[in-house]
Amino acid sequence: MNIKHFSLFALLTLMACYTPIKPSKPKLVVGIVVDQMRMDYLTRFENHFGNGGFKRFYNQGFVAKNHHFDYAQTKTGPGHASISTGTPPAVHGIIANDWFDKISGEEQYCVGDDSYQSIGTLTNNGEKAPTQLLVSTFSDENRLATQSRGKAVGVSFKDRGAILSIGHAANGAYWFSGKNDGKFVSSSFYINTLPQWAADFNTSKQIDTYLTTWDTYYPIETYVESGPDNTPYETTFKGKETPTFPYDLAELAPENNGYDILEETPFGNSLITDFTLAALEAEALGTDNDADVLMVSYSSTDYVGHAFGINAKEVQDTYVRLDLDLARLFAALDKQVGKGNYTVFLTSDHGVAHVPKYLMDNKIPAGYFKEKDFVKELKTHTSAYFDTGGLIRDVSNNEIFLNHDKITTERLDINKIKSYITSFTMSFEGVAMAYDTTELLKMNENNAIIERLQRGFHPKRSGDIVFVLQPGFIETRKKGTTHGSAYIYDTHVPLMLYGQGVRKGTTFERTNITDIAPTICAILGISNPTGTIGNPIIEALK
């Protein structure tokens, strides 16, 4: 046998013995959305975190430290939708939690759909569906890729958190029905009856164990990263004179909508973890060769943040306790699925602003926008200037909707009306800028705020004029704070990944919320959702 023949023989022998190595995929993807979590909470509260929760991402996973929303509507509905779809409101259509429907003239809730029935409750809390979400989610794409063998389950205190994160084709989405109900429910869009494990969880009344005393987990004097326990910037529960620890939840519950009181405590997150662990085990997630998806949205951080503000000890204690709940979740995943067999990401649906009064008292520019006064004066001045009323149909979500039928009937110049309203809006206290949305879409000024407004504009759902408040301004409220702007305190949120397909490391390169879905799809080896515009985060991938 000559050299040529020997080489060919050797090659054929090697090929016969070679077995292609398929890239391994996770058996389970877990998406964790912490409602209203600023990026700086990770460093601010770090000394009180153990190694089993948030720090597992830091110690063993990948952390994107410059992660942002790339659109203006930093609210719960749009946030969960953008995380799961990889695209902004301009494409997926969830432009707010609620918006003015230009066809019906009524308010549209982002997951409201009374053509479906409540499952697990006699209330209307289950009349919900993802019918307003115009594109698929990465969970939907995984269901398609696995011929529906890969399961998909979404859990949250909020219906919109569960539904918009898991999508259309899920096996189940579950959310909390409060007041006197105190149970997890769903919609006939997903299921016809509650699965036995969910019904058993509800009847166990485990929820009652959380109607206990809320005191700080660690001695309150160690919470030096937060302000005083009693400040004029915080709201408090009905029946309690001051916003101070401890809180007797069983005593306060009757005056605070019954079981709803748990929303504004860290025990709401603990209840979510309990239900999630029940779903994990009963649905046998991550135990076969078809990847499953589990989406968990922790809502209590949002309720506590709204009520008490960024600088409150209540917020710090909520994150300290959430860290313990994350450790419980990781321990259950390690036991059932096994380390190295699952992938987890953690992010948030939006950040939050400081309480403006707190900033003002510290000589930092901030303030309050008096929306009711603005709407009243806008309508009055517009009617007087054009000598006719009814030109404005609605003002909501910092958008102004015009009455096009009226303008056409009266043969008025719509461009003059838009110009007048834009100028008037700009002159109102607390407004930084206002744009005719027709002109907004033509702008190319390399201005981050304008770009975020453009990505948030949906032509069939958004208004004729959009305006932006000054930095540090929010709509008037007596105490507490909110979110929803295009500014960095609302856009800068965590993104951390851990597990199968993820390399250890960090990056300060800018990443966007729309990059999460394509990154997970790259790890799963499946198609991106139908509206995706984001890109995989290459630095995070093995």
Protein backbone atom coordinates (compact mmCIF):
# COMPACT_ATOMS: atom_id res chain seq x y z
CA MET A 1 0.00 0.00 0.00
CA ASN A 2 1.55 3.29 -1.08
CA ILE A 3 1.50 6.47 1.01
CA LYS A 4 -1.43 7.89 -0.92
CA HIS A 5 -3.58 4.80 -0.39
CA PHE A 6 -2.54 4.56 3.26
CA SER A 7 -3.56 8.16 3.91
CA LEU A 8 -6.96 7.59 2.32
CA PHE A 9 -7.42 4.37 4.30
CA ALA A 10 -6.49 6.11 7.57
CA LEU A 11 -8.90 8.96 6.84
CA LEU A 12 -11.78 6.59 6.08
CA THR A 13 -11.03 4.64 9.27
CA LEU A 14 -11.06 7.82 11.36
CA MET A 15 -14.32 8.96 9.77
CA ALA A 16 -15.95 5.63 10.55
CA CYS A 17 -15.02 5.96 14.21
CA TYR A 18 -15.97 9.64 14.51
CA THR A 19 -19.18 10.56 16.29
CA PRO A 20 -20.17 14.22 15.86
CA ILE A 21 -20.44 16.06 19.17
CA LYS A 22 -23.64 18.01 19.32
CA PRO A 23 -23.49 21.27 21.27
CA SER A 24 -25.26 20.69 24.56
CA LYS A 25 -28.35 22.72 25.35
CA PRO A 26 -29.93 23.47 28.70
CA LYS A 27 -32.80 21.28 29.81
CA LEU A 28 -34.45 24.32 31.37
CA VAL A 29 -34.24 28.09 30.90
CA VAL A 30 -35.35 30.15 33.89
CA GLY A 31 -36.02 33.82 33.35
CA ILE A 32 -36.22 35.96 36.50
CA VAL A 33 -37.68 39.46 36.24
CA VAL A 34 -37.33 41.59 39.37
CA ASP A 35 -39.96 44.28 39.02
CA GLN A 36 -38.52 47.82 39.48
CA MET A 37 -34.88 46.88 40.11
CA ARG A 38 -32.19 49.48 39.56
CA MET A 39 -28.70 48.27 38.68
CA ASP A 40 -27.16 50.04 41.67
CA TYR A 41 -29.17 47.92 44.12
CA LEU A 42 -26.73 45.07 43.44
CA THR A 43 -23.74 47.03 44.72
CA ARG A 44 -25.61 49.06 47.33
CA PHE A 45 -27.00 46.03 49.19
CA GLU A 46 -24.16 43.65 48.36
CA ASN A 47 -22.82 43.34 51.91
CA HIS A 48 -26.13 41.79 53.03
CA PHE A 49 -26.34 39.20 50.25
CA GLY A 50 -25.29 35.59 50.73
CA ASN A 51 -23.50 33.46 48.13
CA GLY A 52 -26.57 31.50 47.06
CA GLY A 53 -28.66 34.24 45.43
CA PHE A 54 -27.56 37.36 43.56
CA LYS A 55 -23.88 36.57 44.14
CA ARG A 56 -24.12 33.25 42.31
CA PHE A 57 -24.38 35.29 39.12
CA TYR A 58 -21.38 37.41 40.10
CA ASN A 59 -19.25 34.50 41.25
CA GLN A 60 -20.10 31.95 38.56
CA GLY A 61 -21.99 33.75 35.77
CA PHE A 62 -21.93 36.73 33.45
CA VAL A 63 -22.92 40.27 34.44
CA ALA A 64 -23.75 43.02 31.92
CA LYS A 65 -23.20 46.18 33.95
CA ASN A 66 -24.31 48.69 31.33
CA HIS A 67 -27.67 47.20 30.44
CA HIS A 68 -30.53 49.48 29.37
CA PHE A 69 -34.00 49.83 28.00
CA ASP A 70 -33.70 51.33 24.53
CA TYR A 71 -37.19 52.87 24.48
CA ALA A 72 -39.11 55.41 26.56
CA GLN A 73 -42.02 53.49 28.14
CA THR A 74 -40.24 51.99 31.15
CA LYS A 75 -43.29 50.32 32.65
CA THR A 76 -44.24 46.77 33.64
CA GLY A 77 -46.19 45.68 30.56
CA PRO A 78 -43.75 46.98 27.93
CA GLY A 79 -40.80 45.75 29.98
CA HIS A 80 -41.90 42.13 30.25
CA ALA A 81 -42.94 42.12 26.59
CA SER A 82 -39.58 43.46 25.42
CA ILE A 83 -37.61 41.00 27.55
CA SER A 84 -39.44 38.01 26.08
CA THR A 85 -39.68 39.18 22.46
CA GLY A 86 -36.39 40.97 21.83
CA THR A 87 -38.12 43.99 20.35
CA PRO A 88 -39.48 47.38 21.55
CA PRO A 89 -43.08 48.65 21.82
CA ALA A 90 -42.87 50.06 18.30
CA VAL A 91 -42.99 46.43 17.12
CA HIS A 92 -44.60 44.30 19.84
CA GLY A 93 -47.39 46.83 20.45
CA ILE A 94 -47.43 46.90 24.27
CA ILE A 95 -46.95 50.67 24.55
CA ALA A 96 -47.98 50.95 28.21
CA ASN A 97 -49.80 49.07 30.96
CA ASP A 98 -52.99 50.77 29.75
CA TRP A 99 -53.48 52.94 26.69
CA PHE A 100 -56.20 54.86 24.87
CA ASP A 101 -57.68 52.78 22.06
CA LYS A 102 -58.13 55.07 19.08
CA ILE A 103 -60.82 52.89 17.52
CA SER A 104 -63.07 52.18 20.50
CA GLY A 105 -62.29 55.38 22.38
CA GLU A 106 -61.87 53.31 25.56
CA GLU A 107 -58.95 52.32 27.75
CA GLN A 108 -57.19 49.11 26.76
CA TYR A 109 -55.37 47.08 29.42
CA CYS A 110 -52.28 45.38 28.04
CA VAL A 111 -53.53 41.86 28.87
CA GLY A 112 -57.24 42.54 29.30
CA ASP A 113 -59.54 40.28 27.29
CA ASP A 114 -62.99 39.43 28.67
CA SER A 115 -63.63 36.94 25.88
CA TYR A 116 -61.72 34.48 28.08
CA GLN A 117 -62.91 33.14 31.43
CA SER A 118 -61.26 33.12 34.83
CA ILE A 119 -59.78 29.81 35.90
CA GLY A 120 -59.47 29.12 39.61
CA THR A 121 -61.49 32.10 40.82
CA LEU A 122 -65.06 33.38 40.73
CA THR A 123 -63.76 36.92 40.20
CA ASN A 124 -62.91 38.47 36.83
CA ASN A 125 -59.18 38.44 37.70
CA GLY A 126 -58.58 35.68 35.17
CA GLU A 127 -60.17 37.40 32.18
CA LYS A 128 -56.77 38.01 30.64
CA ALA A 129 -54.79 36.94 27.56
CA PRO A 130 -51.75 37.93 25.47
CA THR A 131 -53.95 38.99 22.54
CA GLN A 132 -52.52 42.54 22.51
CA LEU A 133 -48.96 41.20 22.12
CA LEU A 134 -48.35 41.30 18.37
CA VAL A 135 -45.28 39.03 18.13
CA SER A 136 -44.00 35.74 19.51
CA THR A 137 -41.81 35.28 22.60
CA PHE A 138 -38.68 33.15 22.87
CA SER A 139 -40.78 30.70 24.88
CA ASP A 140 -43.23 30.49 21.96
CA GLU A 141 -40.34 29.78 19.60
CA ASN A 142 -39.08 27.04 21.89
CA ARG A 143 -42.53 25.44 21.87
CA LEU A 144 -42.47 25.49 18.06
CA ALA A 145 -38.91 24.14 17.90
CA THR A 146 -39.73 21.18 20.17
CA GLN A 147 -43.09 20.33 18.59
CA SER A 148 -44.64 21.54 21.86
CA ARG A 149 -42.75 18.94 23.88
CA GLY A 150 -40.81 21.67 25.68
CA LYS A 151 -43.01 23.08 28.42
CA ALA A 152 -43.55 26.76 29.21
CA VAL A 153 -44.81 28.13 32.53
CA GLY A 154 -45.06 31.73 33.72
CA VAL A 155 -45.57 32.88 37.33
CA SER A 156 -46.03 36.35 38.80
CA PHE A 157 -48.04 38.33 41.31
CA LYS A 158 -49.16 40.48 38.35
CA ASP A 159 -51.18 39.06 35.45
CA ARG A 160 -49.21 41.13 32.93
CA GLY A 161 -45.93 39.90 34.44
CA ALA A 162 -46.88 36.26 33.99
CA ILE A 163 -48.56 36.57 30.58
CA LEU A 164 -46.26 38.91 28.67
CA SER A 165 -43.11 37.11 29.79
CA ILE A 166 -44.26 33.63 28.75
CA GLY A 167 -46.34 34.49 25.65
CA HIS A 168 -49.03 32.79 23.59
CA ALA A 169 -48.24 29.08 23.41
CA ALA A 170 -47.50 28.39 27.09
CA ASN A 171 -48.76 25.40 29.05
CA GLY A 172 -49.80 27.79 31.78
CA ALA A 173 -49.49 31.32 33.14
CA TYR A 174 -50.41 31.95 36.77
CA TRP A 175 -50.89 35.13 38.76
CA PHE A 176 -52.23 36.22 42.12
CA SER A 177 -55.84 37.08 42.88
CA GLY A 178 -55.83 39.08 46.11
CA LYS A 179 -58.26 40.73 48.53
CA ASN A 180 -60.37 37.89 49.96
CA ASP A 181 -59.34 35.41 47.26
CA GLY A 182 -55.72 34.82 48.17
CA LYS A 183 -54.95 32.30 45.45
CA PHE A 184 -53.14 31.81 42.16
CA VAL A 185 -55.38 31.86 39.09
CA SER A 186 -55.18 31.66 35.31
CA SER A 187 -57.20 32.18 32.13
CA SER A 188 -59.10 29.93 29.76
CA PHE A 189 -56.73 31.20 27.08
CA TYR A 190 -54.19 28.77 28.53
CA ILE A 191 -56.04 26.07 30.46
CA ASN A 192 -59.56 24.80 31.12
CA THR A 193 -59.04 23.96 34.79
CA LEU A 194 -56.29 24.56 37.32
CA PRO A 195 -53.86 21.63 37.41
CA GLN A 196 -54.16 19.61 40.59
CA TRP A 197 -50.85 20.84 41.98
CA ALA A 198 -51.97 24.49 41.67
CA ALA A 199 -55.35 23.74 43.23
CA ASP A 200 -53.63 21.91 46.07
CA PHE A 201 -51.32 24.86 46.63
CA ASN A 202 -54.30 27.21 46.91
CA THR A 203 -56.24 24.98 49.30
CA SER A 204 -53.18 24.48 51.51
CA LYS A 205 -53.59 28.12 52.64
CA GLN A 206 -49.82 28.41 52.87
CA ILE A 207 -50.45 32.07 52.19
CA ASP A 208 -51.72 32.56 55.75
CA THR A 209 -48.27 31.86 57.15
CA TYR A 210 -47.13 35.15 55.62
CA LEU A 211 -49.70 37.23 57.47
CA THR A 212 -47.12 37.62 60.18
CA THR A 213 -44.91 40.39 61.54
CA TRP A 214 -42.63 42.07 59.03
CA ASP A 215 -39.46 43.20 60.75
CA THR A 216 -36.01 43.63 59.25
CA TYR A 217 -34.21 40.34 58.59
CA TYR A 218 -30.98 41.71 60.02
CA PRO A 219 -30.79 44.28 62.84
CA ILE A 220 -32.13 47.55 61.46
CA GLU A 221 -29.04 49.46 62.60
CA THR A 222 -26.98 47.44 60.09
CA TYR A 223 -28.99 48.81 57.17
CA VAL A 224 -26.69 51.80 56.85
CA GLU A 225 -27.13 51.85 53.06
CA SER A 226 -30.63 53.29 53.51
CA GLY A 227 -32.05 56.40 55.14
CA PRO A 228 -33.90 56.75 58.46
CA ASP A 229 -36.78 54.37 59.13
CA ASN A 230 -39.30 57.20 59.44
CA THR A 231 -39.23 59.87 56.73
CA PRO A 232 -41.81 62.21 55.17
CA TYR A 233 -41.21 60.64 51.75
CA GLU A 234 -42.85 57.27 52.46
CA THR A 235 -46.45 56.09 52.42
CA THR A 236 -47.63 53.64 55.04
CA PHE A 237 -50.37 51.11 55.50
CA LYS A 238 -53.84 52.15 56.59
CA GLY A 239 -54.16 51.68 60.33
CA LYS A 240 -50.49 52.44 61.00
CA GLU A 241 -49.45 55.96 61.88
CA THR A 242 -45.84 55.84 60.68
CA PRO A 243 -43.93 53.92 57.99
CA THR A 244 -41.76 52.15 60.53
CA PHE A 245 -40.86 48.60 61.47
CA PRO A 246 -42.32 46.31 62.66
CA TYR A 247 -45.52 45.78 60.64
CA ASP A 248 -48.19 43.46 62.06
CA LEU A 249 -49.63 42.22 58.75
CA ALA A 250 -52.42 40.13 60.25
CA GLU A 251 -53.68 43.18 62.11
CA LEU A 252 -53.27 45.52 59.15
CA ALA A 253 -54.71 43.22 56.46
CA PRO A 254 -58.44 43.98 56.97
CA GLU A 255 -57.90 47.70 56.30
CA ASN A 256 -55.49 47.07 53.41
CA ASN A 257 -57.49 44.89 51.00
CA GLY A 258 -56.91 41.60 52.76
CA TYR A 259 -54.32 39.42 51.07
CA ASP A 260 -53.31 42.33 48.83
CA ILE A 261 -51.20 43.61 51.70
CA LEU A 262 -48.62 40.94 50.88
CA GLU A 263 -47.89 42.75 47.60
CA GLU A 264 -46.20 45.55 49.51
CA THR A 265 -44.02 43.25 51.59
CA PRO A 266 -41.15 40.88 50.77
CA PHE A 267 -43.44 37.98 51.67
CA GLY A 268 -45.18 38.43 48.32
CA ASN A 269 -41.92 37.38 46.69
CA SER A 270 -41.61 34.44 49.07
CA LEU A 271 -45.10 33.30 48.09
CA ILE A 272 -44.12 33.54 44.41
CA THR A 273 -41.08 31.38 45.15
CA ASP A 274 -43.24 28.80 46.95
CA PHE A 275 -45.62 28.56 43.99
CA THR A 276 -42.74 28.44 41.51
CA LEU A 277 -41.13 25.54 43.36
CA ALA A 278 -44.47 23.72 43.31
CA ALA A 279 -44.71 24.25 39.55
CA LEU A 280 -41.10 23.20 39.01
CA GLU A 281 -41.66 19.86 40.73
CA ALA A 282 -45.20 19.07 39.57
CA GLU A 283 -44.55 19.94 35.92
CA ALA A 284 -41.22 18.03 36.05
CA LEU A 285 -39.48 20.95 34.36
CA GLY A 286 -35.98 20.28 33.07
CA THR A 287 -36.17 16.50 33.48
CA ASP A 288 -36.18 15.34 29.85
CA ASN A 289 -34.28 16.12 26.65
CA ASP A 290 -36.62 18.86 25.40
CA ALA A 291 -35.79 22.24 26.88
CA ASP A 292 -38.47 23.85 29.05
CA VAL A 293 -38.95 27.52 29.92
CA LEU A 294 -39.92 28.87 33.33
CA MET A 295 -40.51 32.62 33.69
CA VAL A 296 -40.73 34.08 37.22
CA SER A 297 -41.60 37.72 37.84
CA TYR A 298 -41.10 39.05 41.37
CA SER A 299 -43.60 41.89 41.78
CA SER A 300 -43.34 42.91 45.44
CA THR A 301 -40.16 44.88 44.80
CA ASP A 302 -42.25 47.18 42.61
CA TYR A 303 -45.05 47.68 45.13
CA VAL A 304 -42.60 48.32 47.97
CA GLY A 305 -40.56 50.68 45.81
CA HIS A 306 -43.58 52.74 44.81
CA ALA A 307 -44.80 53.05 48.39
CA PHE A 308 -41.56 53.75 50.24
CA GLY A 309 -39.05 55.07 47.69
CA ILE A 310 -35.48 54.13 46.79
CA ASN A 311 -33.91 55.26 50.04
CA ALA A 312 -36.20 53.33 52.41
CA LYS A 313 -35.18 50.58 54.78
CA GLU A 314 -38.27 48.67 53.58
CA VAL A 315 -36.76 48.48 50.10
CA GLN A 316 -33.43 47.26 51.43
CA ASP A 317 -35.05 44.55 53.54
CA THR A 318 -37.14 43.44 50.54
CA TYR A 319 -33.96 42.85 48.53
CA VAL A 320 -32.21 41.14 51.43
CA ARG A 321 -35.10 38.70 51.66
CA LEU A 322 -35.37 38.30 47.87
CA ASP A 323 -31.74 37.17 47.89
CA LEU A 324 -32.77 34.34 50.23
CA ASP A 325 -35.67 33.39 47.95
CA LEU A 326 -33.33 33.26 44.96
CA ALA A 327 -31.06 30.94 46.93
CA ARG A 328 -34.06 28.67 47.57
CA LEU A 329 -34.86 28.65 43.86
CA PHE A 330 -31.27 27.86 42.88
CA ALA A 331 -31.12 25.02 45.40
CA ALA A 332 -34.27 23.47 43.94
CA LEU A 333 -32.91 23.79 40.39
CA ASP A 334 -29.63 22.16 41.41
CA LYS A 335 -31.52 19.25 42.96
CA GLN A 336 -34.10 18.64 40.22
CA VAL A 337 -32.31 19.65 37.02
CA GLY A 338 -28.67 19.53 38.11
CA LYS A 339 -25.88 22.08 37.93
CA GLY A 340 -24.78 22.63 34.37
CA ASN A 341 -28.11 21.46 32.96
CA TYR A 342 -30.03 24.72 33.18
CA THR A 343 -29.60 28.38 32.25
CA VAL A 344 -30.85 31.33 34.29
CA PHE A 345 -31.03 35.02 33.50
CA LEU A 346 -32.09 37.82 35.82
CA THR A 347 -33.13 41.29 34.77
CA SER A 348 -35.80 43.91 35.49
CA ASP A 349 -38.72 45.43 33.61
CA HIS A 350 -37.69 49.00 34.54
CA GLY A 351 -35.83 51.08 37.11
CA VAL A 352 -37.28 53.84 39.28
CA ALA A 353 -36.80 57.51 40.15
CA HIS A 354 -35.91 58.89 43.55
CA VAL A 355 -38.73 60.56 45.44
CA PRO A 356 -38.58 64.11 43.98
CA LYS A 357 -39.17 65.76 47.36
CA TYR A 358 -36.17 63.87 48.74
CA LEU A 359 -34.01 65.15 45.87
CA MET A 360 -35.32 68.69 46.29
CA ASP A 361 -34.53 68.61 50.01
CA ASN A 362 -30.98 67.63 49.03
CA LYS A 363 -30.73 70.55 46.55
CA ILE A 364 -30.91 68.30 43.49
CA PRO A 365 -33.15 69.42 40.58
CA ALA A 366 -36.46 67.54 40.64
CA GLY A 367 -40.17 68.23 40.89
CA TYR A 368 -43.75 67.20 40.21
CA PHE A 369 -45.82 67.45 37.05
CA LYS A 370 -49.44 68.38 37.74
CA GLU A 371 -51.12 66.29 35.06
CA LYS A 372 -54.73 67.16 35.94
CA ASP A 373 -53.97 70.89 35.76
CA PHE A 374 -52.11 70.38 32.49
CA VAL A 375 -54.98 68.50 30.82
CA LYS A 376 -57.55 71.06 31.99
CA GLU A 377 -55.52 74.05 30.79
CA LEU A 378 -54.56 72.35 27.52
CA LYS A 379 -58.18 71.68 26.59
CA THR A 380 -59.31 75.16 27.66
CA HIS A 381 -56.60 77.04 25.76
CA THR A 382 -56.88 74.85 22.64
CA SER A 383 -60.65 75.30 22.49
CA ALA A 384 -60.33 79.06 22.91
CA TYR A 385 -57.58 79.44 20.31
CA PHE A 386 -59.37 77.45 17.59
CA ASP A 387 -62.85 78.57 18.65
CA THR A 388 -64.13 75.01 18.96
CA GLY A 389 -64.08 72.32 21.65
CA GLY A 390 -63.53 68.59 21.57
CA LEU A 391 -60.26 68.68 19.63
CA ILE A 392 -58.48 66.52 22.18
CA ARG A 393 -59.76 62.99 22.75
CA ASP A 394 -57.35 61.82 25.43
CA VAL A 395 -54.15 62.57 27.32
CA SER A 396 -52.37 59.57 28.83
CA ASN A 397 -48.87 58.09 29.15
CA ASN A 398 -47.44 61.50 28.20
CA GLU A 399 -49.22 61.31 24.84
CA ILE A 400 -51.94 63.53 23.40
CA PHE A 401 -54.59 62.05 21.10
CA LEU A 402 -56.44 64.39 18.74
CA ASN A 403 -60.02 64.11 17.53
CA HIS A 404 -59.37 63.59 13.82
CA ASP A 405 -63.06 63.27 12.93
CA LYS A 406 -63.80 66.63 14.56
CA ILE A 407 -60.83 68.29 12.89
CA THR A 408 -61.92 66.97 9.48
CA THR A 409 -65.57 67.97 9.98
CA GLU A 410 -64.59 71.48 11.05
CA ARG A 411 -62.07 71.66 8.18
CA LEU A 412 -59.32 72.72 10.52
CA ASP A 413 -55.59 72.58 9.75
CA ILE A 414 -54.27 69.65 11.77
CA ASN A 415 -50.68 70.84 11.44
CA LYS A 416 -51.55 74.18 13.03
CA ILE A 417 -53.33 72.36 15.85
CA LYS A 418 -50.33 70.13 16.44
CA SER A 419 -47.98 73.09 16.37
CA TYR A 420 -50.08 75.02 18.89
CA ILE A 421 -50.46 72.06 21.26
CA THR A 422 -46.75 71.24 21.07
CA SER A 423 -45.81 74.83 21.94
CA PHE A 424 -48.34 75.00 24.78
CA THR A 425 -47.12 71.69 26.20
CA MET A 426 -43.51 72.86 26.10
CA SER A 427 -44.44 75.92 28.13
CA PHE A 428 -45.97 73.92 31.00
CA GLU A 429 -43.94 73.50 34.19
CA GLY A 430 -42.08 70.21 34.37
CA VAL A 431 -42.09 69.48 30.62
CA ALA A 432 -38.69 69.20 28.98
CA MET A 433 -39.69 68.56 25.36
CA ALA A 434 -42.72 67.83 23.17
CA TYR A 435 -42.94 66.49 19.62
CA ASP A 436 -45.48 66.02 16.89
CA THR A 437 -45.07 62.27 16.40
CA THR A 438 -45.23 62.60 12.61
CA GLU A 439 -42.15 64.81 12.78
CA LEU A 440 -40.57 62.69 15.53
CA LEU A 441 -40.30 59.69 13.22
CA LYS A 442 -38.36 61.78 10.69
CA MET A 443 -35.75 62.96 13.17
CA ASN A 444 -32.21 61.62 12.95
CA GLU A 445 -30.31 63.69 15.49
CA ASN A 446 -28.29 60.96 17.24
CA ASN A 447 -30.15 61.95 20.39
CA ALA A 448 -30.71 59.06 22.83
CA ILE A 449 -34.01 60.42 24.17
CA ILE A 450 -35.45 60.90 20.68
CA GLU A 451 -34.32 57.41 19.66
CA ARG A 452 -36.06 55.94 22.71
CA LEU A 453 -39.24 57.84 21.86
CA GLN A 454 -39.12 56.52 18.31
CA ARG A 455 -38.70 52.90 19.46
CA GLY A 456 -41.70 53.34 21.70
CA PHE A 457 -44.01 54.72 19.01
CA HIS A 458 -46.56 52.33 17.53
CA PRO A 459 -48.46 53.97 14.65
CA LYS A 460 -51.79 52.26 15.40
CA ARG A 461 -51.69 52.76 19.17
CA SER A 462 -49.63 55.84 20.01
CA GLY A 463 -50.74 59.45 20.16
CA ASP A 464 -50.33 62.49 17.89
CA ILE A 465 -48.06 64.38 20.27
CA VAL A 466 -45.63 63.00 22.84
CA PHE A 467 -43.93 64.91 25.63
CA VAL A 468 -41.10 64.23 28.06
CA LEU A 469 -40.84 65.53 31.61
CA GLN A 470 -37.69 67.11 32.97
CA PRO A 471 -35.20 64.77 34.68
CA GLY A 472 -36.20 64.01 38.25
CA PHE A 473 -39.85 64.96 37.65
CA ILE A 474 -42.77 62.59 38.09
CA GLU A 475 -46.54 63.03 38.07
CA THR A 476 -47.81 64.55 41.30
CA ARG A 477 -48.25 62.14 44.17
CA LYS A 478 -48.27 62.80 47.89
CA LYS A 479 -45.50 60.35 48.79
CA GLY A 480 -43.50 57.53 47.28
CA THR A 481 -42.27 57.47 43.70
CA THR A 482 -42.74 55.96 40.24
CA HIS A 483 -41.09 55.22 36.90
CA GLY A 484 -41.85 55.46 33.18
CA SER A 485 -39.35 57.91 31.71
CA ALA A 486 -36.60 57.66 29.11
CA TYR A 487 -33.95 58.75 31.62
CA ILE A 488 -31.14 56.58 32.91
CA TYR A 489 -32.60 56.01 36.38
CA ASP A 490 -35.51 54.23 34.68
CA THR A 491 -33.54 52.53 31.87
CA HIS A 492 -30.46 51.14 33.68
CA VAL A 493 -31.28 47.68 35.05
CA PRO A 494 -29.35 44.48 35.79
CA LEU A 495 -28.72 41.66 33.36
CA MET A 496 -27.05 38.58 34.77
CA LEU A 497 -26.77 35.10 33.27
CA TYR A 498 -25.65 31.79 34.73
CA GLY A 499 -25.41 28.16 33.72
CA GLN A 500 -25.35 26.11 30.54
CA GLY A 501 -23.96 28.05 27.57
CA VAL A 502 -22.89 31.05 29.66
CA ARG A 503 -19.28 32.01 30.27
CA LYS A 504 -18.03 33.65 33.45
CA GLY A 505 -17.26 37.33 33.09
CA THR A 506 -18.50 40.92 33.02
CA THR A 507 -18.86 43.67 30.48
CA PHE A 508 -19.32 47.42 30.55
CA GLU A 509 -20.21 47.44 26.86
CA ARG A 510 -23.73 48.71 26.37
CA THR A 511 -26.35 46.00 26.02
CA ASN A 512 -30.08 46.47 25.50
CA ILE A 513 -33.15 44.80 26.91
CA THR A 514 -33.95 43.60 23.38
CA ASP A 515 -30.72 41.55 23.38
CA ILE A 516 -31.95 39.10 26.02
CA ALA A 517 -34.31 37.03 23.85
CA PRO A 518 -31.82 36.49 20.99
CA THR A 519 -29.14 35.56 23.54
CA ILE A 520 -31.38 32.87 25.03
CA CYS A 521 -32.37 31.70 21.55
CA ALA A 522 -28.69 31.36 20.66
CA ILE A 523 -28.14 29.19 23.73
CA LEU A 524 -31.17 27.05 22.87
CA GLY A 525 -30.30 26.92 19.17
CA ILE A 526 -33.77 28.06 18.08
CA SER A 527 -35.25 30.80 15.93
CA ASN A 528 -35.65 34.30 17.31
CA PRO A 529 -39.12 35.65 18.09
CA THR A 530 -40.93 37.09 15.07
CA GLY A 531 -40.28 40.75 15.91
CA THR A 532 -36.75 40.56 17.31
CA ILE A 533 -34.39 43.45 16.53
CA GLY A 534 -31.81 42.77 19.27
CA ASN A 535 -28.61 40.75 18.97
CA PRO A 536 -27.04 37.96 21.02
CA ILE A 537 -24.60 39.20 23.64
CA ILE A 538 -21.51 37.45 22.27
CA GLU A 539 -19.36 38.14 25.34
CA ALA A 540 -21.78 36.17 27.51
CA LEU A 541 -21.78 33.03 25.38
CA LYS A 542 -19.44 30.06 25.59
